[in-house]
Amino acid sequence: MASTALQNIYRPKYAYKMLDLTDQHRQQLSLMHTPQTEEERQHSQQLMTIMDALNEKMGKGTVRLGLPEKNAPWHLRCARRSPRYTTQWGELMRAYTDNSAIKNG
């Protein structure tokens, strides 16, 4: 169904990103998450509905979750952050066996 819809709207030279959208009652939880109670789910749904209504009325992005803006005058301080070897390829350590590899690397 999604591939049929994409074929109908596809235009060359545009970047597309497919999302894995699921029904709210069929969510796959990670090991770190616990299922919500019905009361928590209703509270969360009410909050999202209110946020959507405010954003529709006052402009997209007016009300957001606690995330910094892309060009915010302040930013998170990362100077003392430990390396992210397990999640960032560019931060992996390099090991060389001789001096010629260092010059070419």
Protein backbone atom coordinates (compact mmCIF):
# COMPACT_ATOMS: atom_id res chain seq x y z
CA MET A 1 0.00 0.00 0.00
CA ALA A 2 2.78 2.45 0.88
CA SER A 3 4.73 1.61 -2.27
CA THR A 4 1.61 2.26 -4.39
CA ALA A 5 1.14 5.64 -2.72
CA LEU A 6 4.81 6.49 -3.27
CA GLN A 7 4.56 5.59 -6.96
CA ASN A 8 1.68 8.06 -7.28
CA ILE A 9 3.56 10.97 -5.70
CA TYR A 10 7.16 10.16 -6.70
CA ARG A 11 9.11 12.93 -8.44
CA PRO A 12 12.71 12.54 -9.61
CA LYS A 13 15.44 14.59 -7.87
CA TYR A 14 13.56 14.74 -4.53
CA ALA A 15 14.74 12.95 -1.40
CA TYR A 16 12.19 10.67 0.24
CA LYS A 17 12.19 9.04 3.64
CA MET A 18 9.95 6.12 4.47
CA LEU A 19 8.62 6.01 8.01
CA ASP A 20 7.54 2.88 9.77
CA LEU A 21 4.13 4.06 10.94
CA THR A 22 2.11 1.71 13.10
CA ASP A 23 -1.28 1.67 14.72
CA GLN A 24 -1.13 3.09 18.26
CA HIS A 25 -2.31 -0.25 19.66
CA ARG A 26 0.43 -2.25 17.87
CA GLN A 27 3.59 -0.51 18.98
CA GLN A 28 6.81 -2.49 19.36
CA LEU A 29 8.38 -1.45 22.67
CA SER A 30 12.09 -1.47 23.31
CA LEU A 31 13.57 -3.17 26.34
CA MET A 32 13.77 0.22 28.09
CA HIS A 33 10.08 1.01 27.75
CA THR A 34 7.17 -0.44 29.63
CA PRO A 35 3.63 -0.55 28.28
CA GLN A 36 1.50 2.45 29.16
CA THR A 37 -1.66 2.06 31.15
CA GLU A 38 -4.87 3.13 29.45
CA GLU A 39 -4.92 6.25 31.64
CA GLU A 40 -1.35 7.18 30.62
CA ARG A 41 -2.16 6.56 26.96
CA GLN A 42 -5.23 8.82 27.17
CA HIS A 43 -3.23 11.54 28.94
CA SER A 44 -0.51 11.35 26.27
CA GLN A 45 -3.12 11.48 23.50
CA GLN A 46 -4.76 14.54 25.08
CA LEU A 47 -1.39 16.29 25.32
CA MET A 48 -0.58 15.59 21.65
CA THR A 49 -4.05 16.78 20.60
CA ILE A 50 -3.59 20.05 22.51
CA MET A 51 -0.09 20.55 21.06
CA ASP A 52 -1.39 19.93 17.53
CA ALA A 53 -4.27 22.38 18.05
CA LEU A 54 -1.94 25.10 19.36
CA ASN A 55 0.51 24.59 16.51
CA GLU A 56 -2.32 24.75 13.98
CA LYS A 57 -3.68 27.95 15.54
CA MET A 58 -0.39 29.73 16.31
CA GLY A 59 1.92 28.36 13.61
CA LYS A 60 3.94 25.22 13.04
CA GLY A 61 6.60 24.63 15.69
CA THR A 62 5.20 27.08 18.24
CA VAL A 63 4.74 24.35 20.85
CA ARG A 64 7.36 21.60 20.82
CA LEU A 65 8.80 19.00 23.09
CA GLY A 66 11.97 19.98 24.96
CA LEU A 67 14.32 19.98 21.97
CA PRO A 68 16.72 22.80 21.08
CA GLU A 69 16.17 24.71 17.85
CA LYS A 70 18.60 24.03 15.04
CA ASN A 71 20.15 27.54 15.13
CA ALA A 72 19.53 28.33 18.79
CA PRO A 73 21.85 30.94 20.37
CA TRP A 74 22.73 28.34 23.00
CA HIS A 75 23.68 24.72 22.50
CA LEU A 76 24.49 21.65 24.49
CA ARG A 77 28.02 21.59 25.87
CA CYS A 78 29.88 18.62 24.49
CA ALA A 79 33.47 19.56 25.32
CA ARG A 80 33.79 16.91 28.02
CA ARG A 81 31.64 14.29 26.37
CA SER A 82 33.17 10.82 26.17
CA PRO A 83 33.80 9.36 22.71
CA ARG A 84 30.90 7.55 21.07
CA TYR A 85 32.82 4.63 19.60
CA THR A 86 29.79 2.35 19.49
CA THR A 87 27.48 4.76 17.66
CA GLN A 88 29.66 7.11 15.56
CA TRP A 89 31.92 5.67 12.86
CA GLY A 90 33.91 8.91 12.66
CA GLU A 91 34.93 8.62 16.32
CA LEU A 92 36.39 5.13 16.07
CA MET A 93 40.04 4.94 17.05
CA ARG A 94 42.56 4.11 14.33
CA ALA A 95 45.41 1.69 14.81
CA TYR A 96 48.46 1.72 12.54
CA THR A 97 51.16 -0.90 12.16
CA ASP A 98 53.95 1.27 10.72
CA ASN A 99 54.83 4.92 9.99
CA SER A 100 53.96 4.74 6.27
CA ALA A 101 50.31 4.06 7.10
CA ILE A 102 50.15 7.25 9.19
CA LYS A 103 51.39 9.34 6.24
CA ASN A 104 48.86 7.77 3.84
CA GLY A 105 45.96 7.55 6.29
